[in-house]
C-alpha atoms as a PDB file:
ATOM      1  CA  MET A   1     131.516 146.122 -41.781  1.00  0.00           C
ATOM      2  CA  ARG A   2     128.819 148.657 -40.933  1.00  0.00           C
ATOM      3  CA  VAL A   3     125.376 147.458 -42.016  1.00  0.00           C
ATOM      4  CA  SER A   4     124.718 151.000 -43.204  1.00  0.00           C
ATOM      5  CA  ASP A   5     127.415 150.402 -45.959  1.00  0.00           C
ATOM      6  CA  PHE A   6     124.906 148.190 -47.694  1.00  0.00           C
ATOM      7  CA  ASP A   7     122.049 150.739 -47.899  1.00  0.00           C
ATOM      8  CA  PHE A   8     120.557 152.294 -50.961  1.00  0.00           C
ATOM      9  CA  ASP A   9     117.495 154.124 -52.093  1.00  0.00           C
ATOM     10  CA  LEU A  10     114.859 151.944 -53.892  1.00  0.00           C
ATOM     11  CA  PRO A  11     111.611 153.404 -55.252  1.00  0.00           C
ATOM     12  CA  GLN A  12     108.686 151.292 -54.109  1.00  0.00           C
ATOM     13  CA  GLU A  13     107.380 151.164 -57.694  1.00  0.00           C
ATOM     14  CA  ARG A  14     110.328 149.021 -58.522  1.00  0.00           C
ATOM     15  CA  ILE A  15     109.132 146.168 -56.133  1.00  0.00           C
ATOM     16  CA  ALA A  16     107.484 143.448 -58.330  1.00  0.00           C
ATOM     17  CA  LEU A  17     104.158 142.222 -57.145  1.00  0.00           C
ATOM     18  CA  ARG A  18     103.829 139.672 -59.846  1.00  0.00           C
ATOM     19  CA  PRO A  19     106.308 137.771 -62.132  1.00  0.00           C
ATOM     20  CA  VAL A  20     106.452 138.397 -65.834  1.00  0.00           C
ATOM     21  CA  SER A  21     104.993 135.759 -68.214  1.00  0.00           C
ATOM     22  CA  PRO A  22     106.574 133.751 -69.729  1.00  0.00           C
ATOM     23  CA  ARG A  23     109.188 133.382 -66.979  1.00  0.00           C
ATOM     24  CA  ASP A  24     112.117 133.510 -69.109  1.00  0.00           C
ATOM     25  CA  SER A  25     111.145 136.911 -70.592  1.00  0.00           C
ATOM     26  CA  SER A  26     112.427 138.805 -67.508  1.00  0.00           C
ATOM     27  CA  LYS A  27     115.311 141.205 -67.803  1.00  0.00           C
ATOM     28  CA  LEU A  28     118.943 139.771 -66.968  1.00  0.00           C
ATOM     29  CA  LEU A  29     121.632 142.250 -66.025  1.00  0.00           C
ATOM     30  CA  VAL A  30     125.006 140.813 -66.709  1.00  0.00           C
ATOM     31  CA  VAL A  31     127.556 142.249 -64.284  1.00  0.00           C
ATOM     32  CA  ARG A  32     131.305 142.180 -64.934  1.00  0.00           C
ATOM     33  CA  GLN A  33     134.047 144.117 -63.112  1.00  0.00           C
ATOM     34  CA  GLU A  34     134.550 146.168 -66.361  1.00  0.00           C
ATOM     35  CA  ALA A  35     131.078 146.547 -67.814  1.00  0.00           C
ATOM     36  CA  MET A  36     127.431 145.851 -67.475  1.00  0.00           C
ATOM     37  CA  GLU A  37     125.082 144.429 -70.205  1.00  0.00           C
ATOM     38  CA  ASP A  38     121.330 144.341 -70.416  1.00  0.00           C
ATOM     39  CA  ARG A  39     119.972 141.122 -71.707  1.00  0.00           C
ATOM     40  CA  ILE A  40     116.818 138.878 -71.487  1.00  0.00           C
ATOM     41  CA  PHE A  41     116.890 135.857 -69.373  1.00  0.00           C
ATOM     42  CA  ARG A  42     116.105 133.316 -72.145  1.00  0.00           C
ATOM     43  CA  GLU A  43     119.512 134.397 -73.601  1.00  0.00           C
ATOM     44  CA  LEU A  44     121.300 132.791 -70.812  1.00  0.00           C
ATOM     45  CA  PRO A  45     122.765 129.960 -73.035  1.00  0.00           C
ATOM     46  CA  ASP A  46     124.607 132.460 -75.059  1.00  0.00           C
ATOM     47  CA  LEU A  47     126.232 133.877 -71.895  1.00  0.00           C
ATOM     48  CA  LEU A  48     127.658 130.479 -70.711  1.00  0.00           C
ATOM     49  CA  ARG A  49     129.812 128.007 -72.370  1.00  0.00           C
ATOM     50  CA  ALA A  50     129.756 124.282 -72.811  1.00  0.00           C
ATOM     51  CA  GLY A  51     131.134 122.433 -69.866  1.00  0.00           C
ATOM     52  CA  ASP A  52     129.722 124.851 -67.252  1.00  0.00           C
ATOM     53  CA  VAL A  53     127.392 123.461 -64.605  1.00  0.00           C
ATOM     54  CA  LEU A  54     124.197 125.054 -63.373  1.00  0.00           C
ATOM     55  CA  VAL A  55     123.422 124.238 -59.666  1.00  0.00           C
ATOM     56  CA  PHE A  56     119.799 124.446 -58.772  1.00  0.00           C
ATOM     57  CA  ASN A  57     118.136 124.322 -55.462  1.00  0.00           C
ATOM     58  CA  ASN A  58     115.252 121.726 -55.824  1.00  0.00           C
ATOM     59  CA  THR A  59     113.455 122.466 -52.487  1.00  0.00           C
ATOM     60  CA  ARG A  60     109.702 122.870 -52.767  1.00  0.00           C
ATOM     61  CA  VAL A  61     107.855 125.572 -50.843  1.00  0.00           C
ATOM     62  CA  ILE A  62     105.097 124.287 -48.456  1.00  0.00           C
ATOM     63  CA  PRO A  63     102.035 126.353 -47.365  1.00  0.00           C
ATOM     64  CA  ALA A  64     103.791 127.354 -44.140  1.00  0.00           C
ATOM     65  CA  ALA A  65     101.733 130.388 -43.149  1.00  0.00           C
ATOM     66  CA  LEU A  66      99.196 129.293 -40.575  1.00  0.00           C
ATOM     67  CA  SER A  67      96.346 131.380 -39.007  1.00  0.00           C
ATOM     68  CA  GLY A  68      94.656 130.217 -35.832  1.00  0.00           C
ATOM     69  CA  HIS A  69      94.017 130.927 -32.158  1.00  0.00           C
ATOM     70  CA  ARG A  70      95.133 130.120 -28.739  1.00  0.00           C
ATOM     71  CA  PHE A  71      92.623 127.879 -26.752  1.00  0.00           C
ATOM     72  CA  GLY A  72      92.364 125.941 -23.455  1.00  0.00           C
ATOM     73  CA  ARG A  73      93.860 128.556 -21.122  1.00  0.00           C
ATOM     74  CA  GLY A  74      90.632 130.186 -20.180  1.00  0.00           C
ATOM     75  CA  GLY A  75      89.735 133.770 -20.721  1.00  0.00           C
ATOM     76  CA  THR A  76      90.269 135.251 -24.314  1.00  0.00           C
ATOM     77  CA  THR A  77      91.243 133.297 -27.327  1.00  0.00           C
ATOM     78  CA  PRO A  78      93.622 135.580 -29.206  1.00  0.00           C
ATOM     79  CA  LYS A  79      94.349 135.152 -32.820  1.00  0.00           C
ATOM     80  CA  ILE A  80      97.825 133.787 -33.561  1.00  0.00           C
ATOM     81  CA  GLY A  81      99.758 133.826 -36.951  1.00  0.00           C
ATOM     82  CA  ALA A  82     102.541 131.434 -37.343  1.00  0.00           C
ATOM     83  CA  LEU A  83     105.223 130.996 -40.097  1.00  0.00           C
ATOM     84  CA  LEU A  84     106.866 127.639 -39.906  1.00  0.00           C
ATOM     85  CA  HIS A  85     110.595 127.948 -40.803  1.00  0.00           C
ATOM     86  CA  MET A  86     112.505 124.814 -39.807  1.00  0.00           C
ATOM     87  CA  ARG A  87     111.414 121.231 -39.261  1.00  0.00           C
ATOM     88  CA  LEU A  88     113.025 119.604 -36.299  1.00  0.00           C
ATOM     89  CA  ASP A  89     111.448 116.008 -36.536  1.00  0.00           C
ATOM     90  CA  GLY A  90     108.332 114.231 -37.404  1.00  0.00           C
ATOM     91  CA  HIS A  91     105.918 116.519 -35.471  1.00  0.00           C
ATOM     92  CA  ARG A  92     107.899 119.638 -34.299  1.00  0.00           C
ATOM     93  CA  TRP A  93     108.755 122.833 -36.203  1.00  0.00           C
ATOM     94  CA  LYS A  94     110.307 126.062 -35.251  1.00  0.00           C
ATOM     95  CA  ALA A  95     108.149 128.949 -36.194  1.00  0.00           C
ATOM     96  CA  PHE A  96     107.876 132.730 -36.055  1.00  0.00           C
ATOM     97  CA  VAL A  97     104.597 133.793 -34.367  1.00  0.00           C
ATOM     98  CA  LYS A  98     102.557 136.944 -33.858  1.00  0.00           C
ATOM     99  CA  PRO A  99     101.817 138.149 -31.248  1.00  0.00           C
ATOM    100  CA  ALA A 100     104.478 136.115 -29.343  1.00  0.00           C
ATOM    101  CA  LYS A 101     103.720 138.008 -26.116  1.00  0.00           C
ATOM    102  CA  LYS A 102     100.317 136.193 -26.071  1.00  0.00           C
ATOM    103  CA  LEU A 103     101.966 132.903 -25.674  1.00  0.00           C
ATOM    104  CA  GLU A 104     103.668 130.828 -23.047  1.00  0.00           C
ATOM    105  CA  ALA A 105     105.171 127.384 -22.944  1.00  0.00           C
ATOM    106  CA  GLY A 106     102.544 124.852 -22.799  1.00  0.00           C
ATOM    107  CA  ASP A 107      99.838 126.863 -24.413  1.00  0.00           C
ATOM    108  CA  ARG A 108      97.580 125.040 -27.046  1.00  0.00           C
ATOM    109  CA  LEU A 109      97.053 126.510 -30.556  1.00  0.00           C
ATOM    110  CA  ARG A 110      94.541 125.614 -33.095  1.00  0.00           C
ATOM    111  CA  PHE A 111      95.068 126.237 -36.890  1.00  0.00           C
ATOM    112  CA  GLY A 112      91.836 125.092 -38.568  1.00  0.00           C
ATOM    113  CA  THR A 113      91.648 121.371 -37.932  1.00  0.00           C
ATOM    114  CA  LEU A 114      95.441 121.342 -36.816  1.00  0.00           C
ATOM    115  CA  ASP A 115      96.371 121.595 -33.104  1.00  0.00           C
ATOM    116  CA  ALA A 116      99.714 122.174 -31.548  1.00  0.00           C
ATOM    117  CA  THR A 117     101.483 122.854 -28.220  1.00  0.00           C
ATOM    118  CA  VAL A 118     103.918 125.589 -27.674  1.00  0.00           C
ATOM    119  CA  GLU A 119     106.907 123.575 -26.471  1.00  0.00           C
ATOM    120  CA  ALA A 120     109.391 126.556 -26.054  1.00  0.00           C
ATOM    121  CA  LYS A 121     109.759 130.204 -26.674  1.00  0.00           C
ATOM    122  CA  GLY A 122     112.946 131.742 -28.104  1.00  0.00           C
ATOM    123  CA  ASP A 123     113.933 135.279 -29.139  1.00  0.00           C
ATOM    124  CA  ALA A 124     112.368 137.542 -31.671  1.00  0.00           C
ATOM    125  CA  GLY A 125     109.095 135.764 -31.740  1.00  0.00           C
ATOM    126  CA  GLU A 126     110.327 132.414 -32.531  1.00  0.00           C
ATOM    127  CA  VAL A 127     108.625 129.243 -30.832  1.00  0.00           C
ATOM    128  CA  THR A 128     108.952 125.524 -30.954  1.00  0.00           C
ATOM    129  CA  LEU A 129     105.582 124.059 -31.948  1.00  0.00           C
ATOM    130  CA  ALA A 130     104.750 120.317 -31.199  1.00  0.00           C
ATOM    131  CA  PHE A 131     101.822 119.320 -33.417  1.00  0.00           C
ATOM    132  CA  ASP A 132      99.437 116.603 -32.416  1.00  0.00           C
ATOM    133  CA  LEU A 133      99.892 114.928 -35.842  1.00  0.00           C
ATOM    134  CA  ARG A 134     103.239 113.556 -37.192  1.00  0.00           C
ATOM    135  CA  GLY A 135     104.853 112.521 -40.340  1.00  0.00           C
ATOM    136  CA  PRO A 136     102.697 112.387 -43.613  1.00  0.00           C
ATOM    137  CA  ALA A 137      99.456 113.145 -41.641  1.00  0.00           C
ATOM    138  CA  LEU A 138     101.034 116.438 -40.377  1.00  0.00           C
ATOM    139  CA  ASP A 139     102.217 117.322 -43.889  1.00  0.00           C
ATOM    140  CA  GLU A 140      98.755 116.692 -45.344  1.00  0.00           C
ATOM    141  CA  ALA A 141      97.152 118.876 -42.563  1.00  0.00           C
ATOM    142  CA  ILE A 142      99.662 121.784 -43.105  1.00  0.00           C
ATOM    143  CA  ALA A 143      98.958 121.595 -46.856  1.00  0.00           C
ATOM    144  CA  ALA A 144      95.146 121.708 -46.107  1.00  0.00           C
ATOM    145  CA  VAL A 145      95.142 124.662 -43.647  1.00  0.00           C
ATOM    146  CA  GLY A 146      98.283 126.608 -44.679  1.00  0.00           C
ATOM    147  CA  GLU A 147      98.894 129.368 -47.129  1.00  0.00           C
ATOM    148  CA  VAL A 148     101.788 130.160 -49.455  1.00  0.00           C
ATOM    149  CA  PRO A 149     104.143 132.473 -47.263  1.00  0.00           C
ATOM    150  CA  LEU A 150     104.771 135.285 -49.660  1.00  0.00           C
ATOM    151  CA  PRO A 151     107.701 137.719 -48.694  1.00  0.00           C
ATOM    152  CA  PRO A 152     106.421 140.568 -46.403  1.00  0.00           C
ATOM    153  CA  TYR A 153     107.228 143.116 -49.079  1.00  0.00           C
ATOM    154  CA  ILE A 154     104.675 141.493 -51.343  1.00  0.00           C
ATOM    155  CA  ALA A 155     102.201 140.302 -48.649  1.00  0.00           C
ATOM    156  CA  GLY A 156     102.031 143.757 -47.278  1.00  0.00           C
ATOM    157  CA  LYS A 157     100.591 145.091 -50.577  1.00  0.00           C
ATOM    158  CA  ARG A 158      98.290 142.263 -51.628  1.00  0.00           C
ATOM    159  CA  GLY A 159      96.824 139.137 -50.451  1.00  0.00           C
ATOM    160  CA  THR A 160      97.924 135.597 -51.550  1.00  0.00           C
ATOM    161  CA  ASP A 161      95.882 133.938 -54.299  1.00  0.00           C
ATOM    162  CA  GLU A 162      95.755 130.883 -56.492  1.00  0.00           C
ATOM    163  CA  ARG A 163      98.199 132.267 -59.091  1.00  0.00           C
ATOM    164  CA  ASP A 164     100.978 132.323 -56.161  1.00  0.00           C
ATOM    165  CA  LYS A 165     100.685 128.668 -55.757  1.00  0.00           C
ATOM    166  CA  ALA A 166     102.251 128.161 -59.205  1.00  0.00           C
ATOM    167  CA  ASP A 167     104.204 131.375 -59.466  1.00  0.00           C
ATOM    168  CA  TYR A 168     106.082 131.052 -56.194  1.00  0.00           C
ATOM    169  CA  GLN A 169     107.476 127.576 -57.116  1.00  0.00           C
ATOM    170  CA  THR A 170     110.251 126.668 -59.468  1.00  0.00           C
ATOM    171  CA  VAL A 171     109.429 124.338 -62.406  1.00  0.00           C
ATOM    172  CA  TYR A 172     112.004 121.761 -60.981  1.00  0.00           C
ATOM    173  CA  ALA A 173     110.823 121.997 -57.345  1.00  0.00           C
ATOM    174  CA  GLU A 174     110.772 118.478 -55.737  1.00  0.00           C
ATOM    175  CA  LYS A 175     111.642 118.192 -52.069  1.00  0.00           C
ATOM    176  CA  GLN A 176     109.071 119.513 -49.617  1.00  0.00           C
ATOM    177  CA  GLY A 177     110.381 121.814 -46.865  1.00  0.00           C
ATOM    178  CA  ALA A 178     110.967 125.414 -47.812  1.00  0.00           C
ATOM    179  CA  VAL A 179     109.012 128.271 -46.556  1.00  0.00           C
ATOM    180  CA  ALA A 180     110.534 130.642 -49.065  1.00  0.00           C
ATOM    181  CA  ALA A 181     111.173 129.974 -52.839  1.00  0.00           C
ATOM    182  CA  PRO A 182     114.739 129.920 -54.182  1.00  0.00           C
ATOM    183  CA  THR A 183     113.660 132.917 -56.391  1.00  0.00           C
ATOM    184  CA  ALA A 184     116.454 132.970 -58.884  1.00  0.00           C
ATOM    185  CA  GLY A 185     115.107 129.760 -60.220  1.00  0.00           C
ATOM    186  CA  LEU A 186     111.635 131.193 -60.918  1.00  0.00           C
ATOM    187  CA  HIS A 187     112.989 132.474 -64.268  1.00  0.00           C
ATOM    188  CA  PHE A 188     113.607 128.977 -65.704  1.00  0.00           C
ATOM    189  CA  THR A 189     111.199 127.120 -68.065  1.00  0.00           C
ATOM    190  CA  PRO A 190     111.389 123.522 -69.161  1.00  0.00           C
ATOM    191  CA  GLU A 191     112.234 124.794 -72.645  1.00  0.00           C
ATOM    192  CA  LEU A 192     115.034 126.974 -71.469  1.00  0.00           C
ATOM    193  CA  MET A 193     116.534 124.221 -69.317  1.00  0.00           C
ATOM    194  CA  LYS A 194     116.463 121.871 -72.455  1.00  0.00           C
ATOM    195  CA  ARG A 195     118.252 124.496 -74.581  1.00  0.00           C
ATOM    196  CA  LEU A 196     120.865 124.844 -71.835  1.00  0.00           C
ATOM    197  CA  GLN A 197     121.480 121.150 -71.849  1.00  0.00           C
ATOM    198  CA  ASP A 198     121.579 121.107 -75.787  1.00  0.00           C
ATOM    199  CA  THR A 199     124.272 123.704 -75.535  1.00  0.00           C
ATOM    200  CA  GLY A 200     126.537 121.568 -73.334  1.00  0.00           C
ATOM    201  CA  ILE A 201     125.724 123.132 -70.122  1.00  0.00           C
ATOM    202  CA  SER A 202     124.893 120.548 -67.504  1.00  0.00           C
ATOM    203  CA  GLN A 203     122.548 120.748 -64.495  1.00  0.00           C
ATOM    204  CA  GLU A 204     122.915 119.510 -60.939  1.00  0.00           C
ATOM    205  CA  PHE A 205     120.526 119.729 -58.025  1.00  0.00           C
ATOM    206  CA  VAL A 206     121.121 120.303 -54.404  1.00  0.00           C
ATOM    207  CA  THR A 207     118.552 120.868 -51.521  1.00  0.00           C
ATOM    208  CA  LEU A 208     118.403 123.889 -49.091  1.00  0.00           C
ATOM    209  CA  HIS A 209     115.134 124.260 -47.344  1.00  0.00           C
ATOM    210  CA  VAL A 210     115.030 127.992 -47.191  1.00  0.00           C
ATOM    211  CA  GLY A 211     113.670 129.363 -43.960  1.00  0.00           C
ATOM    212  CA  ALA A 212     111.773 132.522 -42.996  1.00  0.00           C
ATOM    213  CA  GLY A 213     114.911 133.916 -41.535  1.00  0.00           C
ATOM    214  CA  THR A 214     115.648 135.002 -45.098  1.00  0.00           C
ATOM    215  CA  PHE A 215     112.951 137.578 -44.630  1.00  0.00           C
ATOM    216  CA  LEU A 216     114.218 139.052 -41.238  1.00  0.00           C
ATOM    217  CA  PRO A 217     115.841 142.505 -41.259  1.00  0.00           C
ATOM    218  CA  VAL A 218     119.433 142.982 -39.927  1.00  0.00           C
ATOM    219  CA  LYS A 219     118.928 144.728 -36.703  1.00  0.00           C
ATOM    220  CA  ALA A 220     122.607 144.919 -35.727  1.00  0.00           C
ATOM    221  CA  GLU A 221     124.778 147.999 -36.668  1.00  0.00           C
ATOM    222  CA  ASP A 222     127.769 145.882 -37.501  1.00  0.00           C
ATOM    223  CA  THR A 223     127.665 142.707 -39.720  1.00  0.00           C
ATOM    224  CA  ALA A 224     129.854 140.795 -37.184  1.00  0.00           C
ATOM    225  CA  GLU A 225     126.848 141.063 -34.640  1.00  0.00           C
ATOM    226  CA  HIS A 226     124.261 139.435 -36.927  1.00  0.00           C
ATOM    227  CA  LYS A 227     123.346 135.861 -36.560  1.00  0.00           C
ATOM    228  CA  MET A 228     121.783 133.766 -39.373  1.00  0.00           C
ATOM    229  CA  HIS A 229     119.064 131.339 -38.640  1.00  0.00           C
ATOM    230  CA  ALA A 230     120.002 127.694 -39.438  1.00  0.00           C
ATOM    231  CA  GLU A 231     118.595 125.993 -42.625  1.00  0.00           C
ATOM    232  CA  TRP A 232     118.927 122.333 -43.526  1.00  0.00           C
ATOM    233  CA  GLY A 233     120.689 121.371 -46.678  1.00  0.00           C
ATOM    234  CA  GLU A 234     122.019 118.420 -48.495  1.00  0.00           C
ATOM    235  CA  VAL A 235     124.667 117.877 -51.251  1.00  0.00           C
ATOM    236  CA  THR A 236     125.174 114.253 -52.291  1.00  0.00           C
ATOM    237  CA  ALA A 237     128.457 112.545 -52.815  1.00  0.00           C
ATOM    238  CA  ALA A 238     127.565 111.900 -56.438  1.00  0.00           C
ATOM    239  CA  THR A 239     126.870 115.531 -57.102  1.00  0.00           C
ATOM    240  CA  CYS A 240     130.101 116.543 -55.497  1.00  0.00           C
ATOM    241  CA  GLN A 241     132.047 114.108 -57.709  1.00  0.00           C
ATOM    242  CA  ARG A 242     130.362 115.415 -60.876  1.00  0.00           C
ATOM    243  CA  LEU A 243     130.967 119.056 -59.906  1.00  0.00           C
ATOM    244  CA  GLN A 244     134.658 118.354 -59.043  1.00  0.00           C
ATOM    245  CA  ALA A 245     135.093 116.487 -62.460  1.00  0.00           C
ATOM    246  CA  ALA A 246     133.552 119.420 -64.334  1.00  0.00           C
ATOM    247  CA  ARG A 247     135.855 121.890 -62.695  1.00  0.00           C
ATOM    248  CA  ALA A 248     138.815 119.657 -63.434  1.00  0.00           C
ATOM    249  CA  LYS A 249     137.833 119.949 -67.139  1.00  0.00           C
ATOM    250  CA  GLY A 250     137.731 123.735 -67.013  1.00  0.00           C
ATOM    251  CA  GLY A 251     133.920 124.033 -66.424  1.00  0.00           C
ATOM    252  CA  ARG A 252     132.489 126.750 -64.175  1.00  0.00           C
ATOM    253  CA  ILE A 253     130.076 126.029 -61.426  1.00  0.00           C
ATOM    254  CA  VAL A 254     127.183 128.473 -61.745  1.00  0.00           C
ATOM    255  CA  ALA A 255     124.932 128.745 -58.632  1.00  0.00           C
ATOM    256  CA  VAL A 256     121.331 129.425 -59.354  1.00  0.00           C
ATOM    257  CA  GLY A 257     120.506 131.579 -56.453  1.00  0.00           C
ATOM    258  CA  THR A 258     122.133 132.542 -53.163  1.00  0.00           C
ATOM    259  CA  THR A 259     120.585 129.447 -51.555  1.00  0.00           C
ATOM    260  CA  SER A 260     122.556 127.229 -53.876  1.00  0.00           C
ATOM    261  CA  LEU A 261     125.669 129.362 -53.386  1.00  0.00           C
ATOM    262  CA  ARG A 262     125.524 129.336 -49.656  1.00  0.00           C
ATOM    263  CA  LEU A 263     124.976 125.496 -49.516  1.00  0.00           C
ATOM    264  CA  LEU A 264     127.815 124.910 -52.003  1.00  0.00           C
ATOM    265  CA  GLU A 265     130.171 127.169 -49.938  1.00  0.00           C
ATOM    266  CA  ALA A 266     129.080 125.533 -46.714  1.00  0.00           C
ATOM    267  CA  SER A 267     129.875 122.044 -48.184  1.00  0.00           C
ATOM    268  CA  GLY A 268     133.190 123.074 -49.903  1.00  0.00           C
ATOM    269  CA  LEU A 269     132.101 120.680 -52.760  1.00  0.00           C
ATOM    270  CA  GLU A 270     132.189 117.726 -50.232  1.00  0.00           C
ATOM    271  CA  PRO A 271     129.186 115.456 -49.223  1.00  0.00           C
ATOM    272  CA  PHE A 272     127.076 117.430 -46.871  1.00  0.00           C
ATOM    273  CA  SER A 273     123.807 116.778 -44.833  1.00  0.00           C
ATOM    274  CA  GLY A 274     122.798 118.964 -42.040  1.00  0.00           C
ATOM    275  CA  THR A 275     122.152 122.518 -41.046  1.00  0.00           C
ATOM    276  CA  THR A 276     124.085 125.731 -42.057  1.00  0.00           C
ATOM    277  CA  GLU A 277     124.245 129.180 -40.641  1.00  0.00           C
ATOM    278  CA  ILE A 278     126.781 130.432 -43.136  1.00  0.00           C
ATOM    279  CA  PHE A 279     126.815 134.327 -43.432  1.00  0.00           C
ATOM    280  CA  ILE A 280     128.809 135.691 -46.368  1.00  0.00           C
ATOM    281  CA  THR A 281     129.975 139.325 -46.318  1.00  0.00           C
ATOM    282  CA  PRO A 282     132.835 141.096 -48.184  1.00  0.00           C
ATOM    283  CA  GLY A 283     136.202 139.552 -47.314  1.00  0.00           C
ATOM    284  CA  TYR A 284     134.933 136.109 -47.629  1.00  0.00           C
ATOM    285  CA  ARG A 285     137.073 133.773 -50.023  1.00  0.00           C
ATOM    286  CA  PHE A 286     134.747 131.783 -52.287  1.00  0.00           C
ATOM    287  CA  ARG A 287     135.839 128.163 -52.724  1.00  0.00           C
ATOM    288  CA  ALA A 288     133.116 126.469 -54.765  1.00  0.00           C
ATOM    289  CA  VAL A 289     131.165 128.856 -56.884  1.00  0.00           C
ATOM    290  CA  ASP A 290     132.454 130.659 -59.996  1.00  0.00           C
ATOM    291  CA  LEU A 291     129.397 132.502 -61.289  1.00  0.00           C
ATOM    292  CA  LEU A 292     125.943 133.498 -59.649  1.00  0.00           C
ATOM    293  CA  ILE A 293     122.616 133.946 -60.979  1.00  0.00           C
ATOM    294  CA  THR A 294     120.411 136.004 -58.477  1.00  0.00           C
ATOM    295  CA  ASN A 295     117.564 138.423 -58.270  1.00  0.00           C
ATOM    296  CA  PHE A 296     117.747 142.015 -56.937  1.00  0.00           C
ATOM    297  CA  HIS A 297     117.636 142.307 -53.057  1.00  0.00           C
ATOM    298  CA  LEU A 298     116.696 144.446 -50.226  1.00  0.00           C
ATOM    299  CA  PRO A 299     118.844 147.261 -48.928  1.00  0.00           C
ATOM    300  CA  LYS A 300     120.932 146.311 -45.874  1.00  0.00           C
ATOM    301  CA  SER A 301     119.913 142.587 -46.354  1.00  0.00           C
ATOM    302  CA  THR A 302     122.178 139.707 -45.832  1.00  0.00           C
ATOM    303  CA  LEU A 303     121.660 138.742 -49.514  1.00  0.00           C
ATOM    304  CA  PHE A 304     122.904 142.225 -50.727  1.00  0.00           C
ATOM    305  CA  MET A 305     125.930 141.670 -48.555  1.00  0.00           C
ATOM    306  CA  LEU A 306     126.509 138.262 -50.173  1.00  0.00           C
ATOM    307  CA  VAL A 307     126.357 139.585 -53.715  1.00  0.00           C
ATOM    308  CA  SER A 308     128.708 142.526 -52.564  1.00  0.00           C
ATOM    309  CA  ALA A 309     131.047 139.759 -51.346  1.00  0.00           C
ATOM    310  CA  PHE A 310     130.882 138.051 -54.552  1.00  0.00           C
ATOM    311  CA  SER A 311     131.246 140.835 -57.003  1.00  0.00           C
ATOM    312  CA  GLY A 312     132.488 143.778 -55.009  1.00  0.00           C
ATOM    313  CA  LEU A 313     130.547 146.421 -53.048  1.00  0.00           C
ATOM    314  CA  GLY A 314     131.326 149.162 -55.472  1.00  0.00           C
ATOM    315  CA  THR A 315     130.446 147.061 -58.389  1.00  0.00           C
ATOM    316  CA  MET A 316     127.058 146.107 -56.932  1.00  0.00           C
ATOM    317  CA  ARG A 317     126.228 149.618 -55.884  1.00  0.00           C
ATOM    318  CA  ALA A 318     126.729 150.559 -59.500  1.00  0.00           C
ATOM    319  CA  ALA A 319     124.823 147.627 -60.843  1.00  0.00           C
ATOM    320  CA  TYR A 320     121.838 148.432 -58.658  1.00  0.00           C
ATOM    321  CA  ALA A 321     121.831 152.102 -59.576  1.00  0.00           C
ATOM    322  CA  HIS A 322     121.855 151.031 -63.223  1.00  0.00           C
ATOM    323  CA  ALA A 323     118.921 148.454 -62.541  1.00  0.00           C
ATOM    324  CA  ILE A 324     116.838 151.185 -60.872  1.00  0.00           C
ATOM    325  CA  ALA A 325     117.547 153.724 -63.661  1.00  0.00           C
ATOM    326  CA  GLN A 326     116.712 151.055 -66.377  1.00  0.00           C
ATOM    327  CA  ASP A 327     113.321 149.956 -64.630  1.00  0.00           C
ATOM    328  CA  TYR A 328     114.406 146.557 -63.616  1.00  0.00           C
ATOM    329  CA  ARG A 329     111.990 144.907 -61.183  1.00  0.00           C
ATOM    330  CA  PHE A 330     113.284 143.950 -57.780  1.00  0.00           C
ATOM    331  CA  TYR A 331     112.920 141.083 -55.250  1.00  0.00           C
ATOM    332  CA  SER A 332     111.264 137.678 -55.453  1.00  0.00           C
ATOM    333  CA  TYR A 333     109.030 138.221 -58.420  1.00  0.00           C
ATOM    334  CA  GLY A 334     111.561 140.582 -60.040  1.00  0.00           C
ATOM    335  CA  ASP A 335     114.144 140.540 -62.725  1.00  0.00           C
ATOM    336  CA  SER A 336     117.574 138.672 -62.547  1.00  0.00           C
ATOM    337  CA  SER A 337     121.254 139.187 -62.775  1.00  0.00           C
ATOM    338  CA  LEU A 338     124.249 137.087 -63.840  1.00  0.00           C
ATOM    339  CA  LEU A 339     127.222 138.110 -61.567  1.00  0.00           C
ATOM    340  CA  PHE A 340     130.888 137.516 -62.367  1.00  0.00           C
ATOM    341  CA  PRO A 341     133.306 137.534 -59.440  1.00  0.00           C
ATOM    342  CA  ALA A 342     135.539 140.346 -58.212  1.00  0.00           C
ATOM    343  CA  SER A 343     139.083 139.942 -59.140  1.00  0.00           C
END
């Protein structure tokens, strides 16, 4: 399909720069093929049914935005910004850097008290960084010198502050490794999660360490020419067994966010541990997910392509037009939707 098929006009004032408080007071647009309904997120228990299973991504965002400079080559010491996006092993990360043209393999970089060597350069500003520290010592150093990597459409309008350290993290975040939050989960509070359980709606957790590639624009003109960046994920055997059992009893699998959906679809509800580059566009046949909770996404983004594959391009165009007209807030800190699948 043409990438231009997924374009739409979005007023800049619809981009949320802060989340609402409390988290579950955000708007929730329920999107079915036949109708749309405006609700509040805390009403989610009324929209699901006993036996359904919510699947959350329990990844935890790390302060992966690093600022520093090149040193040791002689001459100037240009400033370098790095956004870590995928851990390779105990001391190496893939990262997007600016300006990449200032770097060569073998260059030394210093981010505060943390030093690294440019091991390799890839395309589109991607490099492999080999840090001098490794393991827990490296994690502690990154936490000390790094900042929360807010999405560019927020970071371009304001700086990161202390509020973001809590706001840009789900209440159930556990496993360190993401450089972007699974933002559909930002609407949940402990109280809402308990009410869902009391209603008979169970909860499962998977892990997908969301990478910075989620922020990259689609530069191709045809979706078939776009390549996704790999992200590491895990679905345990015990989780798969419980999801399969719930489905066998008539329960629906409700993915909380596109990250949970992509991992479940990559796994096919079988045990999974590794990287995935799954790219979902209209025509994809969904195997693992029955309903989707997700925020409102960028025009021409891979995420708008995904929701269009799930609920239908025409349906999602109408839903987004409704959301804009009704003052819904867009993107990471914005409002949410509950999507039912296309027929």
